[in-house]
Amino acid sequence: LTIFVSMNRPGSIAMAREGARAFVECLRFDVGRKAADSV
């Protein structure tokens, strides 16, 4: 997954974090909550 992030867009850090969580959730294996939180 590739995300282009700009601080000129409000909430961009939160969106990057949400994108990372969505990416981890789409993996076939369950990485576990602790690892997902770490990512």
Full PDB file with SEQRES, HELIX, SHEET, SSBOND, CRYST1, ORIGX, SCALE, CONECT and MASTER records, all heavy atoms in Angstrom:
SEQRES   1 A   39  LEU THR ILE PHE VAL SER MET ASN ARG PRO GLY SER ILE          
SEQRES   2 A   39  ALA MET ALA ARG GLU GLY ALA ARG ALA PHE VAL GLU CYS          
SEQRES   3 A   39  LEU ARG PHE ASP VAL GLY ARG LYS ALA ALA ASP SER VAL          
HELIX    1 AA1 SER A   12  GLU A   25  1                                  14    
HELIX    2 AA2 ARG A   33  SER A   38  1                                   6    
CRYST1    1.000    1.000    1.000  90.00  90.00  90.00 P 1           1          
ORIGX1      1.000000  0.000000  0.000000        0.00000                         
ORIGX2      0.000000  1.000000  0.000000        0.00000                         
ORIGX3      0.000000  0.000000  1.000000        0.00000                         
SCALE1      1.000000  0.000000  0.000000        0.00000                         
SCALE2      0.000000  1.000000  0.000000        0.00000                         
SCALE3      0.000000  0.000000  1.000000        0.00000                         
ATOM      1  N   LEU A   1       0.861  -1.171   0.000  1.00  0.00           N  
ATOM      2  CA  LEU A   1       0.000   0.000   0.000  1.00  0.00           C  
ATOM      3  C   LEU A   1       0.900   1.225   0.000  1.00  0.00           C  
ATOM      4  O   LEU A   1       1.887   1.270   0.742  1.00  0.00           O  
ATOM      5  CB  LEU A   1      -0.896   0.020   1.248  1.00  0.00           C  
ATOM      6  CG  LEU A   1      -1.743   1.274   1.465  1.00  0.00           C  
ATOM      7  CD1 LEU A   1      -2.855   1.352   0.422  1.00  0.00           C  
ATOM      8  CD2 LEU A   1      -2.330   1.284   2.858  1.00  0.00           C  
ATOM      9  N   THR A   2       0.565   2.218  -0.829  1.00  0.00           N  
ATOM     10  CA  THR A   2       1.301   3.470  -0.860  1.00  0.00           C  
ATOM     11  C   THR A   2       0.320   4.609  -0.633  1.00  0.00           C  
ATOM     12  O   THR A   2      -0.731   4.658  -1.277  1.00  0.00           O  
ATOM     13  CB  THR A   2       2.021   3.668  -2.208  1.00  0.00           C  
ATOM     14  OG1 THR A   2       2.930   2.585  -2.400  1.00  0.00           O  
ATOM     15  CG2 THR A   2       2.795   4.976  -2.237  1.00  0.00           C  
ATOM     16  N   ILE A   3       0.651   5.505   0.284  1.00  0.00           N  
ATOM     17  CA  ILE A   3      -0.194   6.646   0.603  1.00  0.00           C  
ATOM     18  C   ILE A   3       0.659   7.910   0.526  1.00  0.00           C  
ATOM     19  O   ILE A   3       1.726   7.976   1.138  1.00  0.00           O  
ATOM     20  CB  ILE A   3      -0.803   6.521   2.017  1.00  0.00           C  
ATOM     21  CG1 ILE A   3      -1.616   5.241   2.148  1.00  0.00           C  
ATOM     22  CG2 ILE A   3      -1.650   7.744   2.343  1.00  0.00           C  
ATOM     23  CD1 ILE A   3      -2.114   4.960   3.551  1.00  0.00           C  
ATOM     24  N   PHE A   4       0.187   8.910  -0.213  1.00  0.00           N  
ATOM     25  CA  PHE A   4       0.859  10.205  -0.283  1.00  0.00           C  
ATOM     26  C   PHE A   4       0.217  11.098   0.771  1.00  0.00           C  
ATOM     27  O   PHE A   4      -1.000  11.282   0.769  1.00  0.00           O  
ATOM     28  CB  PHE A   4       0.708  10.805  -1.676  1.00  0.00           C  
ATOM     29  CG  PHE A   4       1.265   9.919  -2.743  1.00  0.00           C  
ATOM     30  CD1 PHE A   4       0.454   8.986  -3.366  1.00  0.00           C  
ATOM     31  CD2 PHE A   4       2.592   9.982  -3.089  1.00  0.00           C  
ATOM     32  CE1 PHE A   4       0.967   8.139  -4.330  1.00  0.00           C  
ATOM     33  CE2 PHE A   4       3.114   9.149  -4.057  1.00  0.00           C  
ATOM     34  CZ  PHE A   4       2.293   8.222  -4.683  1.00  0.00           C  
ATOM     35  N   VAL A   5       1.024  11.644   1.675  1.00  0.00           N  
ATOM     36  CA  VAL A   5       0.510  12.372   2.823  1.00  0.00           C  
ATOM     37  C   VAL A   5       1.006  13.816   2.790  1.00  0.00           C  
ATOM     38  O   VAL A   5       2.177  14.073   2.520  1.00  0.00           O  
ATOM     39  CB  VAL A   5       0.976  11.714   4.148  1.00  0.00           C  
ATOM     40  CG1 VAL A   5       0.323  12.375   5.339  1.00  0.00           C  
ATOM     41  CG2 VAL A   5       0.682  10.216   4.149  1.00  0.00           C  
ATOM     42  N   SER A   6       0.103  14.745   3.081  1.00  0.00           N  
ATOM     43  CA  SER A   6       0.456  16.156   3.136  1.00  0.00           C  
ATOM     44  C   SER A   6      -0.142  16.782   4.386  1.00  0.00           C  
ATOM     45  O   SER A   6      -1.305  16.533   4.707  1.00  0.00           O  
ATOM     46  CB  SER A   6      -0.075  16.893   1.903  1.00  0.00           C  
ATOM     47  OG  SER A   6       0.079  18.287   2.055  1.00  0.00           O  
ATOM     48  N   MET A   7       0.648  17.610   5.083  1.00  0.00           N  
ATOM     49  CA  MET A   7       0.112  18.256   6.266  1.00  0.00           C  
ATOM     50  C   MET A   7      -0.877  19.359   5.902  1.00  0.00           C  
ATOM     51  O   MET A   7      -1.566  19.887   6.763  1.00  0.00           O  
ATOM     52  CB  MET A   7       1.223  18.774   7.170  1.00  0.00           C  
ATOM     53  CG  MET A   7       2.041  19.900   6.605  1.00  0.00           C  
ATOM     54  SD  MET A   7       3.542  20.128   7.541  1.00  0.00           S  
ATOM     55  CE  MET A   7       3.148  21.442   8.628  1.00  0.00           C  
ATOM     56  N   ASN A   8      -0.994  19.704   4.621  1.00  0.00           N  
ATOM     57  CA  ASN A   8      -1.990  20.681   4.189  1.00  0.00           C  
ATOM     58  C   ASN A   8      -3.396  20.095   4.197  1.00  0.00           C  
ATOM     59  O   ASN A   8      -4.366  20.820   4.049  1.00  0.00           O  
ATOM     60  CB  ASN A   8      -1.664  21.197   2.784  1.00  0.00           C  
ATOM     61  CG  ASN A   8      -0.410  22.029   2.776  1.00  0.00           C  
ATOM     62  OD1 ASN A   8      -0.045  22.640   3.774  1.00  0.00           O  
ATOM     63  ND2 ASN A   8       0.274  22.046   1.655  1.00  0.00           N  
ATOM     64  N   ARG A   9      -3.491  18.804   4.338  1.00  0.00           N  
ATOM     65  CA  ARG A   9      -4.803  18.147   4.396  1.00  0.00           C  
ATOM     66  C   ARG A   9      -5.095  17.801   5.854  1.00  0.00           C  
ATOM     67  O   ARG A   9      -4.389  16.997   6.469  1.00  0.00           O  
ATOM     68  CB  ARG A   9      -4.794  16.878   3.556  1.00  0.00           C  
ATOM     69  CG  ARG A   9      -6.142  16.208   3.566  1.00  0.00           C  
ATOM     70  CD  ARG A   9      -6.138  14.963   2.725  1.00  0.00           C  
ATOM     71  NE  ARG A   9      -7.417  14.322   2.888  1.00  0.00           N  
ATOM     72  CZ  ARG A   9      -8.223  14.055   1.901  1.00  0.00           C  
ATOM     73  NH1 ARG A   9      -7.871  14.351   0.675  1.00  0.00           N  
ATOM     74  NH2 ARG A   9      -9.374  13.461   2.126  1.00  0.00           N  
ATOM     75  N   PRO A  10      -6.132  18.407   6.427  1.00  0.00           N  
ATOM     76  CA  PRO A  10      -6.463  18.121   7.829  1.00  0.00           C  
ATOM     77  C   PRO A  10      -6.679  16.628   8.059  1.00  0.00           C  
ATOM     78  O   PRO A  10      -7.304  15.948   7.245  1.00  0.00           O  
ATOM     79  CB  PRO A  10      -7.767  18.908   8.050  1.00  0.00           C  
ATOM     80  CG  PRO A  10      -7.751  19.974   7.013  1.00  0.00           C  
ATOM     81  CD  PRO A  10      -7.037  19.374   5.821  1.00  0.00           C  
ATOM     82  N   GLY A  11      -6.146  16.137   9.159  1.00  0.00           N  
ATOM     83  CA  GLY A  11      -6.330  14.746   9.520  1.00  0.00           C  
ATOM     84  C   GLY A  11      -5.475  13.765   8.752  1.00  0.00           C  
ATOM     85  O   GLY A  11      -5.713  12.561   8.802  1.00  0.00           O  
ATOM     86  N   SER A  12      -4.450  14.252   8.047  1.00  0.00           N  
ATOM     87  CA  SER A  12      -3.654  13.362   7.204  1.00  0.00           C  
ATOM     88  C   SER A  12      -2.911  12.293   8.003  1.00  0.00           C  
ATOM     89  O   SER A  12      -2.777  11.167   7.525  1.00  0.00           O  
ATOM     90  CB  SER A  12      -2.692  14.153   6.329  1.00  0.00           C  
ATOM     91  OG  SER A  12      -1.793  14.901   7.117  1.00  0.00           O  
ATOM     92  N   ILE A  13      -2.455  12.620   9.196  1.00  0.00           N  
ATOM     93  CA  ILE A  13      -1.755  11.622  10.015  1.00  0.00           C  
ATOM     94  C   ILE A  13      -2.731  10.536  10.457  1.00  0.00           C  
ATOM     95  O   ILE A  13      -2.430   9.339  10.377  1.00  0.00           O  
ATOM     96  CB  ILE A  13      -1.043  12.278  11.212  1.00  0.00           C  
ATOM     97  CG1 ILE A  13       0.039  13.237  10.708  1.00  0.00           C  
ATOM     98  CG2 ILE A  13      -0.456  11.213  12.147  1.00  0.00           C  
ATOM     99  CD1 ILE A  13       0.608  14.150  11.759  1.00  0.00           C  
ATOM    100  N   ALA A  14      -3.916  10.949  10.862  1.00  0.00           N  
ATOM    101  CA  ALA A  14      -4.944   9.967  11.249  1.00  0.00           C  
ATOM    102  C   ALA A  14      -5.325   9.094  10.056  1.00  0.00           C  
ATOM    103  O   ALA A  14      -5.521   7.884  10.199  1.00  0.00           O  
ATOM    104  CB  ALA A  14      -6.172  10.677  11.807  1.00  0.00           C  
ATOM    105  N   MET A  15      -5.421   9.694   8.868  1.00  0.00           N  
ATOM    106  CA  MET A  15      -5.759   8.903   7.682  1.00  0.00           C  
ATOM    107  C   MET A  15      -4.657   7.908   7.345  1.00  0.00           C  
ATOM    108  O   MET A  15      -4.945   6.780   6.923  1.00  0.00           O  
ATOM    109  CB  MET A  15      -6.046   9.820   6.502  1.00  0.00           C  
ATOM    110  CG  MET A  15      -7.420  10.462   6.603  1.00  0.00           C  
ATOM    111  SD  MET A  15      -7.863  11.360   5.114  1.00  0.00           S  
ATOM    112  CE  MET A  15      -7.222  12.969   5.522  1.00  0.00           C  
ATOM    113  N   ALA A  16      -3.400   8.301   7.534  1.00  0.00           N  
ATOM    114  CA  ALA A  16      -2.289   7.371   7.296  1.00  0.00           C  
ATOM    115  C   ALA A  16      -2.371   6.207   8.278  1.00  0.00           C  
ATOM    116  O   ALA A  16      -2.194   5.043   7.898  1.00  0.00           O  
ATOM    117  CB  ALA A  16      -0.954   8.099   7.427  1.00  0.00           C  
ATOM    118  N   ARG A  17      -2.664   6.520   9.533  1.00  0.00           N  
ATOM    119  CA  ARG A  17      -2.803   5.478  10.556  1.00  0.00           C  
ATOM    120  C   ARG A  17      -3.978   4.554  10.216  1.00  0.00           C  
ATOM    121  O   ARG A  17      -3.870   3.332  10.311  1.00  0.00           O  
ATOM    122  CB  ARG A  17      -2.999   6.159  11.917  1.00  0.00           C  
ATOM    123  CG  ARG A  17      -2.791   5.302  13.097  1.00  0.00           C  
ATOM    124  CD  ARG A  17      -2.770   6.083  14.410  1.00  0.00           C  
ATOM    125  NE  ARG A  17      -3.745   7.150  14.504  1.00  0.00           N  
ATOM    126  CZ  ARG A  17      -3.452   8.464  14.550  1.00  0.00           C  
ATOM    127  NH1 ARG A  17      -2.196   8.864  14.526  1.00  0.00           N  
ATOM    128  NH2 ARG A  17      -4.402   9.359  14.645  1.00  0.00           N  
ATOM    129  N   GLU A  18      -5.109   5.120   9.795  1.00  0.00           N  
ATOM    130  CA  GLU A  18      -6.273   4.315   9.414  1.00  0.00           C  
ATOM    131  C   GLU A  18      -5.965   3.452   8.195  1.00  0.00           C  
ATOM    132  O   GLU A  18      -6.409   2.308   8.114  1.00  0.00           O  
ATOM    133  CB  GLU A  18      -7.469   5.224   9.128  1.00  0.00           C  
ATOM    134  CG  GLU A  18      -8.035   5.881  10.362  1.00  0.00           C  
ATOM    135  CD  GLU A  18      -9.043   6.979  10.027  1.00  0.00           C  
ATOM    136  OE1 GLU A  18      -9.570   6.992   8.890  1.00  0.00           O  
ATOM    137  OE2 GLU A  18      -9.288   7.814  10.910  1.00  0.00           O  
ATOM    138  N   GLY A  19      -5.208   4.010   7.251  1.00  0.00           N  
ATOM    139  CA  GLY A  19      -4.802   3.234   6.079  1.00  0.00           C  
ATOM    140  C   GLY A  19      -3.948   2.046   6.476  1.00  0.00           C  
ATOM    141  O   GLY A  19      -4.091   0.945   5.928  1.00  0.00           O  
ATOM    142  N   ALA A  20      -3.059   2.256   7.454  1.00  0.00           N  
ATOM    143  CA  ALA A  20      -2.213   1.162   7.938  1.00  0.00           C  
ATOM    144  C   ALA A  20      -3.059   0.084   8.608  1.00  0.00           C  
ATOM    145  O   ALA A  20      -2.842  -1.114   8.386  1.00  0.00           O  
ATOM    146  CB  ALA A  20      -1.164   1.696   8.910  1.00  0.00           C  
ATOM    147  N   ARG A  21      -4.029   0.497   9.407  1.00  0.00           N  
ATOM    148  CA  ARG A  21      -4.902  -0.489  10.064  1.00  0.00           C  
ATOM    149  C   ARG A  21      -5.705  -1.278   9.034  1.00  0.00           C  
ATOM    150  O   ARG A  21      -5.848  -2.496   9.137  1.00  0.00           O  
ATOM    151  CB  ARG A  21      -5.839   0.199  11.053  1.00  0.00           C  
ATOM    152  CG  ARG A  21      -5.138   0.626  12.319  1.00  0.00           C  
ATOM    153  CD  ARG A  21      -6.142   1.022  13.385  1.00  0.00           C  
ATOM    154  NE  ARG A  21      -5.477   1.490  14.573  1.00  0.00           N  
ATOM    155  CZ  ARG A  21      -4.946   0.715  15.501  1.00  0.00           C  
ATOM    156  NH1 ARG A  21      -4.992  -0.587  15.372  1.00  0.00           N  
ATOM    157  NH2 ARG A  21      -4.350   1.231  16.562  1.00  0.00           N  
ATOM    158  N   ALA A  22      -6.225  -0.593   8.017  1.00  0.00           N  
ATOM    159  CA  ALA A  22      -6.985  -1.270   6.967  1.00  0.00           C  
ATOM    160  C   ALA A  22      -6.098  -2.242   6.200  1.00  0.00           C  
ATOM    161  O   ALA A  22      -6.526  -3.354   5.872  1.00  0.00           O  
ATOM    162  CB  ALA A  22      -7.590  -0.233   6.011  1.00  0.00           C  
ATOM    163  N   PHE A  23      -4.859  -1.846   5.941  1.00  0.00           N  
ATOM    164  CA  PHE A  23      -3.908  -2.716   5.249  1.00  0.00           C  
ATOM    165  C   PHE A  23      -3.677  -3.999   6.047  1.00  0.00           C  
ATOM    166  O   PHE A  23      -3.763  -5.102   5.515  1.00  0.00           O  
ATOM    167  CB  PHE A  23      -2.583  -1.972   5.039  1.00  0.00           C  
ATOM    168  CG  PHE A  23      -1.494  -2.823   4.459  1.00  0.00           C  
ATOM    169  CD1 PHE A  23      -1.466  -3.108   3.104  1.00  0.00           C  
ATOM    170  CD2 PHE A  23      -0.487  -3.328   5.265  1.00  0.00           C  
ATOM    171  CE1 PHE A  23      -0.456  -3.888   2.558  1.00  0.00           C  
ATOM    172  CE2 PHE A  23       0.531  -4.108   4.739  1.00  0.00           C  
ATOM    173  CZ  PHE A  23       0.543  -4.388   3.379  1.00  0.00           C  
ATOM    174  N   VAL A  24      -3.420  -3.850   7.340  1.00  0.00           N  
ATOM    175  CA  VAL A  24      -3.159  -5.006   8.195  1.00  0.00           C  
ATOM    176  C   VAL A  24      -4.394  -5.909   8.263  1.00  0.00           C  
ATOM    177  O   VAL A  24      -4.280  -7.131   8.225  1.00  0.00           O  
ATOM    178  CB  VAL A  24      -2.713  -4.545   9.602  1.00  0.00           C  
ATOM    179  CG1 VAL A  24      -2.714  -5.682  10.602  1.00  0.00           C  
ATOM    180  CG2 VAL A  24      -1.333  -3.907   9.536  1.00  0.00           C  
ATOM    181  N   GLU A  25      -5.586  -5.304   8.319  1.00  0.00           N  
ATOM    182  CA  GLU A  25      -6.817  -6.099   8.387  1.00  0.00           C  
ATOM    183  C   GLU A  25      -7.069  -6.883   7.104  1.00  0.00           C  
ATOM    184  O   GLU A  25      -7.745  -7.907   7.129  1.00  0.00           O  
ATOM    185  CB  GLU A  25      -8.003  -5.193   8.681  1.00  0.00           C  
ATOM    186  CG  GLU A  25      -8.014  -4.688  10.107  1.00  0.00           C  
ATOM    187  CD  GLU A  25      -9.124  -3.684  10.357  1.00  0.00           C  
ATOM    188  OE1 GLU A  25     -10.037  -3.545   9.502  1.00  0.00           O  
ATOM    189  OE2 GLU A  25      -9.071  -3.024  11.407  1.00  0.00           O  
ATOM    190  N   CYS A  26      -6.552  -6.412   5.974  1.00  0.00           N  
ATOM    191  CA  CYS A  26      -6.765  -7.104   4.691  1.00  0.00           C  
ATOM    192  C   CYS A  26      -5.808  -8.273   4.476  1.00  0.00           C  
ATOM    193  O   CYS A  26      -5.981  -9.027   3.516  1.00  0.00           O  
ATOM    194  CB  CYS A  26      -6.618  -6.113   3.530  1.00  0.00           C  
ATOM    195  SG  CYS A  26      -8.033  -5.018   3.371  1.00  0.00           S  
ATOM    196  N   LEU A  27      -4.832  -8.430   5.328  1.00  0.00           N  
ATOM    197  CA  LEU A  27      -3.912  -9.550   5.171  1.00  0.00           C  
ATOM    198  C   LEU A  27      -4.631 -10.847   5.508  1.00  0.00           C  
ATOM    199  O   LEU A  27      -5.490 -10.884   6.392  1.00  0.00           O  
ATOM    200  CB  LEU A  27      -2.686  -9.363   6.070  1.00  0.00           C  
ATOM    201  CG  LEU A  27      -1.835  -8.134   5.757  1.00  0.00           C  
ATOM    202  CD1 LEU A  27      -0.715  -8.005   6.772  1.00  0.00           C  
ATOM    203  CD2 LEU A  27      -1.282  -8.204   4.351  1.00  0.00           C  
ATOM    204  N   ARG A  28      -4.269 -11.908   4.816  1.00  0.00           N  
ATOM    205  CA  ARG A  28      -4.936 -13.197   5.026  1.00  0.00           C  
ATOM    206  C   ARG A  28      -4.702 -13.710   6.443  1.00  0.00           C  
ATOM    207  O   ARG A  28      -5.583 -14.279   7.060  1.00  0.00           O  
ATOM    208  CB  ARG A  28      -4.440 -14.227   4.021  1.00  0.00           C  
ATOM    209  CG  ARG A  28      -5.039 -15.595   4.299  1.00  0.00           C  
ATOM    210  CD  ARG A  28      -4.807 -16.558   3.217  1.00  0.00           C  
ATOM    211  NE  ARG A  28      -5.708 -16.219   2.122  1.00  0.00           N  
ATOM    212  CZ  ARG A  28      -5.656 -16.764   0.940  1.00  0.00           C  
ATOM    213  NH1 ARG A  28      -4.743 -17.653   0.681  1.00  0.00           N  
ATOM    214  NH2 ARG A  28      -6.494 -16.426   0.001  1.00  0.00           N  
ATOM    215  N   PHE A  29      -3.506 -13.517   6.971  1.00  0.00           N  
ATOM    216  CA  PHE A  29      -3.248 -13.991   8.329  1.00  0.00           C  
ATOM    217  C   PHE A  29      -3.574 -12.891   9.329  1.00  0.00           C  
ATOM    218  O   PHE A  29      -3.510 -11.719   9.037  1.00  0.00           O  
ATOM    219  CB  PHE A  29      -1.806 -14.472   8.498  1.00  0.00           C  
ATOM    220  CG  PHE A  29      -0.752 -13.408   8.297  1.00  0.00           C  
ATOM    221  CD1 PHE A  29      -0.345 -12.601   9.342  1.00  0.00           C  
ATOM    222  CD2 PHE A  29      -0.155 -13.230   7.058  1.00  0.00           C  
ATOM    223  CE1 PHE A  29       0.628 -11.641   9.169  1.00  0.00           C  
ATOM    224  CE2 PHE A  29       0.821 -12.271   6.877  1.00  0.00           C  
ATOM    225  CZ  PHE A  29       1.210 -11.476   7.934  1.00  0.00           C  
ATOM    226  N   ASP A  30      -3.970 -13.305  10.511  1.00  0.00           N  
ATOM    227  CA  ASP A  30      -4.280 -12.370  11.584  1.00  0.00           C  
ATOM    228  C   ASP A  30      -2.976 -12.016  12.284  1.00  0.00           C  
ATOM    229  O   ASP A  30      -2.339 -12.863  12.891  1.00  0.00           O  
ATOM    230  CB  ASP A  30      -5.254 -13.023  12.557  1.00  0.00           C  
ATOM    231  CG  ASP A  30      -5.639 -12.100  13.697  1.00  0.00           C  
ATOM    232  OD1 ASP A  30      -5.315 -10.897  13.638  1.00  0.00           O  
ATOM    233  OD2 ASP A  30      -6.268 -12.589  14.642  1.00  0.00           O  
ATOM    234  N   VAL A  31      -2.581 -10.767  12.191  1.00  0.00           N  
ATOM    235  CA  VAL A  31      -1.312 -10.356  12.796  1.00  0.00           C  
ATOM    236  C   VAL A  31      -1.445 -10.173  14.300  1.00  0.00           C  
ATOM    237  O   VAL A  31      -0.446 -10.082  15.000  1.00  0.00           O  
ATOM    238  CB  VAL A  31      -0.755  -9.057  12.161  1.00  0.00           C  
ATOM    239  CG1 VAL A  31      -0.548  -9.229  10.679  1.00  0.00           C  
ATOM    240  CG2 VAL A  31      -1.649  -7.871  12.448  1.00  0.00           C  
ATOM    241  N   GLY A  32      -2.662 -10.110  14.783  1.00  0.00           N  
ATOM    242  CA  GLY A  32      -2.884  -9.903  16.211  1.00  0.00           C  
ATOM    243  C   GLY A  32      -3.021  -8.431  16.525  1.00  0.00           C  
ATOM    244  O   GLY A  32      -2.472  -7.570  15.846  1.00  0.00           O  
ATOM    245  N   ARG A  33      -3.760  -8.148  17.556  1.00  0.00           N  
ATOM    246  CA  ARG A  33      -4.045  -6.756  17.923  1.00  0.00           C  
ATOM    247  C   ARG A  33      -2.781  -5.991  18.317  1.00  0.00           C  
ATOM    248  O   ARG A  33      -2.601  -4.847  17.932  1.00  0.00           O  
ATOM    249  CB  ARG A  33      -5.065  -6.720  19.054  1.00  0.00           C  
ATOM    250  CG  ARG A  33      -5.441  -5.303  19.419  1.00  0.00           C  
ATOM    251  CD  ARG A  33      -6.449  -5.251  20.543  1.00  0.00           C  
ATOM    252  NE  ARG A  33      -6.612  -3.871  20.915  1.00  0.00           N  
ATOM    253  CZ  ARG A  33      -7.768  -3.260  20.924  1.00  0.00           C  
ATOM    254  NH1 ARG A  33      -8.844  -3.899  20.589  1.00  0.00           N  
ATOM    255  NH2 ARG A  33      -7.834  -2.004  21.292  1.00  0.00           N  
ATOM    256  N   LYS A  34      -1.907  -6.621  19.089  1.00  0.00           N  
ATOM    257  CA  LYS A  34      -0.693  -5.935  19.535  1.00  0.00           C  
ATOM    258  C   LYS A  34       0.178  -5.535  18.345  1.00  0.00           C  
ATOM    259  O   LYS A  34       0.662  -4.409  18.275  1.00  0.00           O  
ATOM    260  CB  LYS A  34       0.097  -6.831  20.493  1.00  0.00           C  
ATOM    261  CG  LYS A  34       1.331  -6.171  21.048  1.00  0.00           C  
ATOM    262  CD  LYS A  34       2.043  -7.074  22.046  1.00  0.00           C  
ATOM    263  CE  LYS A  34       3.318  -6.421  22.517  1.00  0.00           C  
ATOM    264  NZ  LYS A  34       4.067  -7.270  23.433  1.00  0.00           N  
ATOM    265  N   ALA A  35       0.363  -6.444  17.392  1.00  0.00           N  
ATOM    266  CA  ALA A  35       1.176  -6.135  16.210  1.00  0.00           C  
ATOM    267  C   ALA A  35       0.495  -5.078  15.347  1.00  0.00           C  
ATOM    268  O   ALA A  35       1.148  -4.172  14.823  1.00  0.00           O  
ATOM    269  CB  ALA A  35       1.442  -7.404  15.400  1.00  0.00           C  
ATOM    270  N   ALA A  36      -0.830  -5.170  15.189  1.00  0.00           N  
ATOM    271  CA  ALA A  36      -1.568  -4.166  14.412  1.00  0.00           C  
ATOM    272  C   ALA A  36      -1.426  -2.790  15.055  1.00  0.00           C  
ATOM    273  O   ALA A  36      -1.220  -1.781  14.358  1.00  0.00           O  
ATOM    274  CB  ALA A  36      -3.032  -4.557  14.294  1.00  0.00           C  
ATOM    275  N   ASP A  37      -1.519  -2.736  16.377  1.00  0.00           N  
ATOM    276  CA  ASP A  37      -1.327  -1.469  17.095  1.00  0.00           C  
ATOM    277  C   ASP A  37       0.096  -0.948  16.912  1.00  0.00           C  
ATOM    278  O   ASP A  37       0.308   0.259  16.765  1.00  0.00           O  
ATOM    279  CB  ASP A  37      -1.619  -1.638  18.587  1.00  0.00           C  
ATOM    280  CG  ASP A  37      -3.103  -1.824  18.881  1.00  0.00           C  
ATOM    281  OD1 ASP A  37      -3.941  -1.563  17.992  1.00  0.00           O  
ATOM    282  OD2 ASP A  37      -3.417  -2.236  20.019  1.00  0.00           O  
ATOM    283  N   SER A  38       1.075  -1.853  16.920  1.00  0.00           N  
ATOM    284  CA  SER A  38       2.473  -1.453  16.725  1.00  0.00           C  
ATOM    285  C   SER A  38       2.685  -0.861  15.342  1.00  0.00           C  
ATOM    286  O   SER A  38       3.355   0.161  15.184  1.00  0.00           O  
ATOM    287  CB  SER A  38       3.410  -2.638  16.946  1.00  0.00           C  
ATOM    288  OG  SER A  38       3.385  -3.050  18.296  1.00  0.00           O  
ATOM    289  N   VAL A  39       2.102  -1.492  14.313  1.00  0.00           N  
ATOM    290  CA  VAL A  39       2.223  -0.966  12.950  1.00  0.00           C  
ATOM    291  C   VAL A  39       1.611   0.430  12.880  1.00  0.00           C  
ATOM    292  O   VAL A  39       2.221   1.363  12.352  1.00  0.00           O  
ATOM    293  CB  VAL A  39       1.554  -1.920  11.923  1.00  0.00           C  
ATOM    294  CG1 VAL A  39       1.444  -1.250  10.555  1.00  0.00           C  
ATOM    295  CG2 VAL A  39       2.339  -3.214  11.817  1.00  0.00           C  
TER     296      VAL A  39                                                      
MASTER        0    0    0    2    0    0    0    6  295    1    0    3          
END                                                                             
